[in-house]
Protein backbone atom coordinates (compact mmCIF):
# COMPACT_ATOMS: atom_id res chain seq x y z
CA MET A 1 -28.64 -4.14 -67.81
CA PHE A 2 -29.85 -1.41 -70.07
CA THR A 3 -32.68 -1.53 -72.53
CA TYR A 4 -33.39 -0.19 -76.02
CA LYS A 5 -36.24 0.45 -78.43
CA ILE A 6 -35.95 0.91 -82.09
CA TYR A 7 -38.02 2.73 -84.65
CA ASN A 8 -37.64 2.20 -88.40
CA ASN A 9 -35.50 -0.55 -89.75
CA ILE A 10 -32.18 -0.16 -87.89
CA ALA A 11 -29.42 -2.33 -89.46
CA GLN A 12 -29.10 -5.59 -87.65
CA GLU A 13 -25.40 -4.92 -87.15
CA GLY A 14 -26.21 -2.11 -84.76
CA ILE A 15 -28.73 -4.22 -82.81
CA ASP A 16 -26.20 -6.97 -82.55
CA GLN A 17 -23.62 -4.58 -81.09
CA LEU A 18 -26.03 -3.43 -78.36
CA GLU A 19 -26.98 -6.91 -77.43
CA SER A 20 -23.25 -7.94 -77.38
CA GLN A 21 -22.95 -5.29 -74.61
CA GLY A 22 -25.71 -6.75 -72.65
CA PHE A 23 -28.58 -4.52 -73.75
CA LYS A 24 -32.10 -5.96 -74.06
CA ALA A 25 -34.99 -4.83 -76.20
CA GLU A 26 -37.86 -3.11 -74.26
CA LYS A 27 -40.86 -1.51 -75.87
CA SER A 28 -42.54 0.37 -73.07
CA ASN A 29 -39.75 1.88 -70.84
CA PRO A 30 -36.34 1.86 -72.56
CA ASP A 31 -33.16 3.65 -71.56
CA ALA A 32 -32.27 4.26 -75.16
CA ILE A 33 -34.25 4.93 -78.40
CA LEU A 34 -32.55 4.26 -81.76
CA ILE A 35 -34.34 5.86 -84.85
CA ARG A 36 -33.71 6.75 -88.39
CA SER A 37 -36.38 8.94 -90.05
CA HIS A 38 -39.23 8.24 -87.62
CA ILE A 39 -40.97 11.55 -86.39
CA LEU A 40 -40.54 11.38 -82.65
CA ALA A 41 -43.02 13.21 -80.41
CA GLU A 42 -42.50 14.34 -76.77
CA GLY A 43 -45.14 11.74 -75.81
CA ASP A 44 -42.72 9.01 -76.87
CA PHE A 45 -40.37 10.01 -74.04
CA ASN A 46 -40.80 7.42 -71.33
CA GLN A 47 -39.81 7.87 -67.67
CA SER A 48 -36.51 5.83 -68.01
CA LEU A 49 -35.39 7.38 -71.21
CA LYS A 50 -31.89 8.65 -71.05
CA CYS A 51 -30.81 9.09 -74.67
CA ILE A 52 -32.02 9.18 -78.24
CA CYS A 53 -29.70 7.92 -80.91
CA ARG A 54 -30.34 9.03 -84.52
CA ALA A 55 -28.74 6.77 -87.07
CA GLY A 56 -28.09 9.50 -89.48
CA ALA A 57 -27.16 13.16 -89.30
CA GLY A 58 -30.54 15.21 -89.54
CA VAL A 59 -32.41 15.58 -86.32
CA ASN A 60 -35.25 18.03 -87.27
CA HIS A 61 -37.83 15.16 -86.61
CA ILE A 62 -36.74 14.95 -83.01
CA PRO A 63 -38.17 17.48 -80.37
CA ILE A 64 -34.68 18.61 -79.17
CA LYS A 65 -35.81 21.25 -76.80
CA ALA A 66 -38.16 18.90 -75.08
CA ALA A 67 -35.43 16.33 -74.68
CA THR A 68 -32.97 18.83 -73.27
CA LYS A 69 -35.59 20.05 -70.76
CA LYS A 70 -35.96 16.42 -69.58
CA GLY A 71 -32.26 15.79 -69.54
CA VAL A 72 -32.41 13.32 -72.46
CA VAL A 73 -29.23 13.36 -74.55
CA VAL A 74 -29.75 13.40 -78.34
CA PHE A 75 -27.01 11.90 -80.56
CA ASN A 76 -26.66 11.79 -84.26
CA THR A 77 -24.03 10.06 -86.42
CA PRO A 78 -22.21 12.59 -88.63
CA GLY A 79 -19.88 10.92 -91.02
CA GLY A 80 -21.59 7.54 -90.99
CA ASN A 81 -23.43 8.18 -94.24
CA ALA A 82 -20.83 10.78 -95.58
CA ASN A 83 -19.29 8.52 -98.32
CA ALA A 84 -22.78 7.48 -99.62
CA VAL A 85 -23.88 11.13 -99.93
CA LYS A 86 -20.54 12.10 -101.43
CA GLU A 87 -20.91 9.49 -104.19
CA LEU A 88 -24.40 10.64 -105.04
CA VAL A 89 -23.18 14.29 -105.28
CA ILE A 90 -20.55 13.12 -107.80
CA CYS A 91 -23.37 11.32 -109.67
CA GLY A 92 -25.32 14.50 -109.60
CA LEU A 93 -22.31 16.50 -110.97
CA LEU A 94 -22.15 13.99 -113.87
CA LEU A 95 -25.94 13.71 -114.48
CA SER A 96 -26.20 17.58 -114.70
CA SER A 97 -23.26 17.88 -117.13
CA ARG A 98 -23.35 14.98 -119.67
CA GLY A 99 -26.90 14.49 -120.91
CA ILE A 100 -26.92 11.08 -119.49
CA ILE A 101 -30.60 10.83 -118.51
CA GLN A 102 -31.76 12.56 -121.70
CA GLY A 103 -29.53 10.23 -123.76
CA ASN A 104 -30.90 7.17 -121.98
CA SER A 105 -34.44 8.20 -122.59
CA PHE A 106 -33.67 8.77 -126.37
CA ALA A 107 -31.91 5.35 -126.62
CA GLN A 108 -35.04 3.63 -125.05
CA GLU A 109 -37.20 5.06 -127.89
CA LEU A 110 -35.24 3.10 -130.48
CA ALA A 111 -36.48 -0.31 -129.43
CA ASP A 112 -38.34 -0.87 -132.71
CA LYS A 113 -35.43 0.03 -135.01
CA ASP A 114 -33.21 -2.58 -136.83
CA SER A 115 -29.47 -2.44 -136.17
CA LYS A 116 -28.43 -0.15 -139.07
CA GLU A 117 -31.18 2.40 -138.47
CA LEU A 118 -30.57 2.37 -134.72
CA THR A 119 -26.86 3.03 -135.26
CA ASP A 120 -27.59 5.81 -137.87
CA LEU A 121 -30.02 7.51 -135.45
CA VAL A 122 -27.50 7.27 -132.54
CA GLU A 123 -24.73 8.89 -134.61
CA ILE A 124 -26.98 11.64 -135.90
CA ASN A 125 -28.56 12.55 -132.54
CA LYS A 126 -25.70 12.16 -130.10
CA LYS A 127 -24.78 15.79 -130.65
CA ASN A 128 -27.99 16.71 -128.80
CA PHE A 129 -26.64 15.28 -125.62
CA LYS A 130 -23.18 16.81 -125.68
CA GLY A 131 -22.01 17.77 -122.27
CA THR A 132 -19.10 19.36 -120.51
CA GLU A 133 -16.34 17.89 -118.30
CA LEU A 134 -15.90 18.42 -114.68
CA LYS A 135 -12.04 18.87 -114.89
CA GLY A 136 -11.11 22.45 -114.75
CA LYS A 137 -14.50 23.63 -113.40
CA THR A 138 -15.17 25.28 -110.10
CA ILE A 139 -17.34 23.79 -107.42
CA GLY A 140 -18.53 25.70 -104.43
CA ILE A 141 -19.15 23.47 -101.32
CA ILE A 142 -21.35 25.22 -98.71
CA GLY A 143 -20.70 23.42 -95.43
CA LEU A 144 -17.39 21.65 -94.86
CA GLY A 145 -18.40 19.05 -92.30
CA ALA A 146 -18.06 15.23 -92.81
CA ILE A 147 -19.77 15.18 -96.21
CA GLY A 148 -18.40 18.56 -97.43
CA SER A 149 -14.71 17.75 -96.60
CA LEU A 150 -15.09 14.24 -98.14
CA LEU A 151 -16.49 15.74 -101.28
CA ALA A 152 -13.62 18.14 -101.55
CA GLN A 153 -11.12 15.35 -101.50
CA SER A 154 -12.99 13.58 -104.21
CA VAL A 155 -13.50 16.50 -106.58
CA ASP A 156 -9.97 17.59 -106.10
CA SER A 157 -8.89 14.23 -107.65
CA LEU A 158 -11.21 14.82 -110.52
CA GLY A 159 -9.28 18.18 -111.39
CA MET A 160 -11.93 20.45 -110.12
CA LYS A 161 -11.18 23.82 -108.46
CA ILE A 162 -12.77 24.07 -105.03
CA ILE A 163 -14.22 27.01 -103.06
CA GLY A 164 -15.42 26.22 -99.60
CA TYR A 165 -17.81 28.19 -97.31
CA ASP A 166 -18.34 27.24 -93.70
CA PRO A 167 -18.17 29.93 -90.97
CA SER A 168 -18.40 27.29 -88.12
CA ILE A 169 -16.00 24.64 -89.55
CA SER A 170 -14.48 22.30 -86.92
CA ILE A 171 -10.83 21.75 -86.49
CA ASP A 172 -11.28 18.11 -87.41
CA ALA A 173 -12.96 18.98 -90.57
CA ALA A 174 -10.45 21.56 -91.55
CA TRP A 175 -7.69 19.04 -91.25
CA GLN A 176 -9.38 16.86 -93.89
CA LEU A 177 -9.55 19.50 -96.52
CA PRO A 178 -7.20 19.49 -99.38
CA LYS A 179 -4.83 22.38 -99.34
CA GLU A 180 -6.13 23.52 -102.71
CA VAL A 181 -9.46 24.45 -101.30
CA GLU A 182 -10.09 28.24 -101.43
CA LYS A 183 -11.84 29.72 -98.38
CA ALA A 184 -14.67 32.00 -99.13
CA GLU A 185 -15.19 34.77 -96.66
CA ASP A 186 -18.84 34.96 -97.53
CA LEU A 187 -21.53 33.19 -99.41
CA LYS A 188 -21.71 35.81 -102.14
CA TYR A 189 -18.15 35.17 -103.24
CA LEU A 190 -18.75 31.41 -103.55
CA LEU A 191 -21.98 31.78 -105.50
CA SER A 192 -20.58 34.16 -107.94
CA ASN A 193 -17.46 32.15 -108.76
CA SER A 194 -18.73 28.54 -108.91
CA ASP A 195 -19.95 26.44 -111.91
CA TYR A 196 -21.33 23.99 -109.48
CA ILE A 197 -22.82 24.63 -106.08
CA SER A 198 -23.34 21.76 -103.54
CA VAL A 199 -25.11 22.33 -100.26
CA HIS A 200 -24.03 20.34 -97.19
CA VAL A 201 -25.37 22.07 -94.02
CA PRO A 202 -27.87 20.94 -91.45
CA LEU A 203 -31.39 22.30 -91.51
CA ALA A 204 -31.82 24.89 -88.66
CA ASP A 205 -33.59 28.27 -88.30
CA GLU A 206 -30.56 30.02 -89.73
CA THR A 207 -30.19 27.75 -92.75
CA LYS A 208 -33.88 27.53 -93.81
CA ASP A 209 -34.21 29.17 -97.27
CA LEU A 210 -30.38 29.63 -97.28
CA ILE A 211 -30.59 29.50 -101.04
CA SER A 212 -33.28 31.92 -101.92
CA LYS A 213 -33.73 34.85 -104.30
CA ASP A 214 -31.74 36.97 -101.91
CA VAL A 215 -28.63 35.08 -102.74
CA ILE A 216 -29.46 33.38 -106.05
CA LYS A 217 -28.99 36.85 -107.66
CA PHE A 218 -25.29 36.44 -106.98
CA ILE A 219 -25.00 32.99 -108.55
CA LYS A 220 -22.80 32.78 -111.63
CA PRO A 221 -25.03 32.57 -114.76
CA GLY A 222 -25.51 29.07 -115.86
CA ALA A 223 -24.38 27.45 -112.67
CA LYS A 224 -25.69 24.00 -111.55
CA LEU A 225 -27.17 23.68 -108.00
CA ILE A 226 -27.16 20.31 -106.08
CA ASN A 227 -29.12 19.88 -102.85
CA LEU A 228 -28.65 16.58 -101.04
CA SER A 229 -28.84 18.18 -97.63
CA ARG A 230 -32.35 19.01 -96.50
CA GLY A 231 -35.20 20.26 -98.73
CA ALA A 232 -36.05 23.40 -96.80
CA ILE A 233 -32.52 24.76 -97.14
CA VAL A 234 -33.30 25.63 -100.71
CA ASN A 235 -36.36 27.74 -101.71
CA ASN A 236 -37.76 25.75 -104.62
CA LEU A 237 -40.00 28.47 -105.91
CA ASP A 238 -37.12 30.95 -106.21
CA VAL A 239 -34.98 28.17 -107.82
CA LEU A 240 -37.82 27.66 -110.30
CA ASP A 241 -37.78 31.35 -111.17
CA ALA A 242 -33.92 31.15 -111.63
CA LEU A 243 -34.36 28.15 -113.96
CA GLU A 244 -37.01 30.06 -116.04
CA ASN A 245 -34.58 32.97 -116.42
CA ASN A 246 -31.56 30.75 -117.15
CA LYS A 247 -29.84 31.92 -114.07
CA ILE A 248 -29.49 28.29 -112.95
CA SER A 249 -28.90 25.84 -115.77
CA CYS A 250 -29.70 22.63 -113.74
CA PHE A 251 -31.09 21.69 -110.27
CA VAL A 252 -30.43 18.32 -108.72
CA THR A 253 -32.33 17.69 -105.53
CA ASP A 254 -33.04 14.69 -103.27
CA PHE A 255 -36.22 16.16 -102.11
CA PRO A 256 -38.98 16.11 -104.80
CA THR A 257 -41.89 18.51 -104.43
CA PRO A 258 -44.99 18.93 -106.66
CA GLU A 259 -43.67 22.05 -108.46
CA MET A 260 -40.29 20.31 -109.06
CA VAL A 261 -41.97 17.12 -110.36
CA LYS A 262 -43.95 19.17 -112.88
CA ARG A 263 -40.74 21.06 -113.98
CA SER A 264 -38.79 17.85 -114.39
CA ILE A 265 -41.58 16.42 -116.68
CA GLU A 266 -41.65 19.50 -118.95
CA PHE A 267 -37.87 20.29 -118.86
CA SER A 268 -34.53 18.49 -118.56
CA ASP A 269 -33.05 21.13 -116.18
CA VAL A 270 -34.43 19.46 -113.01
CA ILE A 271 -33.09 16.07 -111.87
CA LEU A 272 -35.09 14.54 -109.03
CA LEU A 273 -33.91 11.76 -106.71
CA PRO A 274 -36.21 10.13 -104.01
CA HIS A 275 -34.09 10.96 -100.91
CA LEU A 276 -31.28 8.46 -101.87
CA GLY A 277 -28.48 10.42 -100.15
CA ALA A 278 -27.81 7.88 -97.44
CA SER A 279 -29.63 4.98 -98.94
CA THR A 280 -26.79 2.39 -99.25
CA LYS A 281 -26.36 -0.83 -97.23
CA GLU A 282 -22.96 0.47 -96.09
CA ALA A 283 -24.27 3.74 -94.80
CA GLU A 284 -27.18 2.15 -92.88
CA ILE A 285 -24.76 -0.26 -91.22
CA ASN A 286 -22.21 2.44 -90.40
CA CYS A 287 -24.82 4.67 -88.84
CA ALA A 288 -26.53 1.91 -86.86
CA ILE A 289 -23.22 0.80 -85.26
CA MET A 290 -22.29 4.36 -84.44
CA ALA A 291 -25.64 4.88 -82.84
CA ALA A 292 -25.32 1.77 -80.86
CA ASP A 293 -21.89 2.68 -79.83
CA GLN A 294 -22.96 6.08 -78.61
CA ALA A 295 -25.78 4.61 -76.56
CA SER A 296 -23.53 2.11 -74.92
CA ARG A 297 -20.75 4.53 -74.14
CA PHE A 298 -23.11 7.09 -72.58
CA LEU A 299 -25.22 4.69 -70.54
CA LYS A 300 -22.14 2.78 -69.28
CA ASP A 301 -19.69 5.64 -68.70
CA GLY A 302 -21.47 8.96 -69.24
CA GLU A 303 -19.43 9.61 -72.34
CA ILE A 304 -20.94 12.06 -74.86
CA ILE A 305 -19.66 12.38 -78.52
CA ASN A 306 -21.80 13.80 -81.41
CA SER A 307 -24.64 15.17 -79.27
CA VAL A 308 -26.79 17.93 -80.79
CA ASN A 309 -27.96 19.17 -77.38
CA PHE A 310 -25.28 18.23 -74.77
CA PRO A 311 -21.61 19.12 -74.57
CA ARG A 312 -18.86 16.64 -75.49
CA VAL A 313 -17.70 14.72 -72.43
CA LYS A 314 -15.07 12.10 -71.97
CA LEU A 315 -13.33 11.08 -68.78
CA SER A 316 -10.96 8.07 -68.50
CA ARG A 317 -12.31 5.76 -65.82
CA LYS A 318 -10.27 5.91 -62.60
CA THR A 319 -12.50 3.86 -60.31
CA GLU A 320 -15.15 1.19 -60.26
CA TYR A 321 -17.94 3.54 -59.20
CA ARG A 322 -19.03 6.61 -61.30
CA LEU A 323 -21.74 9.18 -60.94
CA VAL A 324 -23.43 10.72 -64.05
CA ILE A 325 -25.36 13.77 -63.07
CA ILE A 326 -27.41 15.89 -65.65
CA HIS A 327 -28.38 19.24 -64.35
CA LYS A 328 -29.16 22.84 -65.13
CA ASP A 329 -26.18 25.14 -65.73
CA GLU A 330 -26.60 27.35 -62.65
CA PRO A 331 -24.25 28.77 -60.01
CA GLY A 332 -23.63 26.62 -57.06
CA VAL A 333 -24.68 23.19 -58.45
CA ILE A 334 -21.28 21.71 -58.53
CA GLY A 335 -20.63 22.86 -55.01
CA SER A 336 -23.86 21.30 -53.71
CA ILE A 337 -22.97 18.02 -55.44
CA THR A 338 -19.51 17.76 -54.02
CA ALA A 339 -20.54 18.74 -50.60
CA GLU A 340 -23.16 15.97 -50.55
CA ILE A 341 -20.51 13.43 -51.46
CA ALA A 342 -18.06 14.85 -48.98
CA SER A 343 -20.60 14.69 -46.18
CA HIS A 344 -20.59 10.86 -46.58
CA ASN A 345 -16.77 10.77 -46.42
CA ILE A 346 -16.43 9.64 -49.99
CA ASN A 347 -13.33 10.72 -51.98
CA ILE A 348 -13.51 12.09 -55.50
CA PRO A 349 -10.40 10.92 -57.49
CA ASP A 350 -11.49 12.65 -60.61
CA MET A 351 -14.37 14.52 -62.18
CA ILE A 352 -15.40 16.56 -65.21
CA ASN A 353 -18.10 19.23 -65.70
CA LYS A 354 -19.30 20.49 -69.12
CA SER A 355 -22.08 22.73 -70.10
CA ARG A 356 -23.93 23.78 -73.21
CA ASP A 357 -26.39 26.62 -73.22
CA GLU A 358 -28.62 25.96 -70.15
CA ILE A 359 -27.85 22.26 -69.66
CA ALA A 360 -24.81 20.59 -68.04
CA ILE A 361 -23.38 17.24 -67.19
CA THR A 362 -21.04 16.41 -64.34
CA VAL A 363 -19.25 12.94 -64.27
CA ILE A 364 -17.57 12.01 -61.00
CA ASP A 365 -15.37 9.00 -60.20
CA LEU A 366 -15.79 7.73 -56.56
CA ASP A 367 -13.50 5.56 -54.55
CA GLN A 368 -16.53 3.73 -53.08
CA LYS A 369 -20.08 2.98 -54.05
CA PRO A 370 -22.46 5.81 -53.32
CA SER A 371 -25.35 5.09 -51.05
CA GLN A 372 -28.96 5.35 -51.99
CA GLU A 373 -29.25 8.25 -49.65
CA ILE A 374 -26.66 10.32 -51.69
CA ILE A 375 -28.70 9.34 -54.92
CA LYS A 376 -31.91 10.50 -53.26
CA ASN A 377 -30.57 13.74 -51.81
CA LEU A 378 -29.06 14.62 -55.16
CA ASN A 379 -32.26 13.90 -57.07
CA ASN A 380 -34.07 16.08 -54.64
CA THR A 381 -31.97 19.06 -55.49
CA SER A 382 -34.09 21.37 -57.79
CA SER A 383 -31.38 21.98 -60.37
CA ILE A 384 -30.58 18.40 -60.93
CA LEU A 385 -32.53 16.55 -63.64
CA ASN A 386 -31.27 12.97 -63.00
CA VAL A 387 -28.57 11.05 -61.37
CA ARG A 388 -27.32 7.54 -62.03
CA VAL A 389 -24.56 5.25 -60.99
CA CYS A 390 -22.18 3.53 -63.39
CA GLU A 391 -20.39 0.54 -62.16
């Protein structure tokens, strides 16, 4: 029996899935932790912890390096909230183009007018909120993962031209892109040819301040910028300067900051959202179920999909007994593992070894149950972080 602990409000559907698989809640020493936005510290890692499952995409609130050092697999759920974010981007495109927010504010000021006066004022002033259509405009999508590729499909149906930039695009994501997407060889080309720019990359050292004065200078004058990814990917002070100089005509962000709040009060060229990107009932359920499924598959079979610190591993079960071994990626480790098993006259029908950076995982199917002596000897090997039997 495996155990789990949750932080934040994980959708009940995810918890139900875990418990249907025989998992039990455990506060002090769980095998799996499920979290949303809770900031996890290394001190939260208990002795039995084997995996952390993030019900969402971003993992900058999880100490990844510490987890890897301890052999703890960190999962996220890319795609689980993709539709929710995509829909909010489309909302952002419309809000930045049609004077909807400004028009609503104006209409609310007419509460004390009679019917005729109200109608007259509406007709006289509606020209102040004239917008532009999305059809025929060009959108530049930075990052073509689950969200970016889904957004490309939707804006294509709206009649927009699409430029995409993602130097590390996956094969799966590439298959989802409409054939009309123009591939940008560099960020400069996308920025200088887009009427709208939408950012969809994870926050990492190489993406922090990705949109800053160094590249804003290439943006097509009057373009609109949308950031529903992570706040630190965009340098807000540089964007403020671009707004002041009419380089950018509107900034839609899901990450309010004091300077942007002040700007939004004084001007209509900043639209602030309170981190609503994945805030739908459906997205929370999807991510919770995905996170629960990842915990179950890993703990029961050693399968790894969507990990941010471990390689992808999948091996069809050949036998009743399976060893899952997490170890350092060093020469001779595989040989020492198989030699230990062979010394006890146990056959290996199938196995797989995968590595990522300095960490590795080896999954071995055995034709009989390994003894405690084997487990003890393997655990005493300096390069091996942990060993467990799945049966």
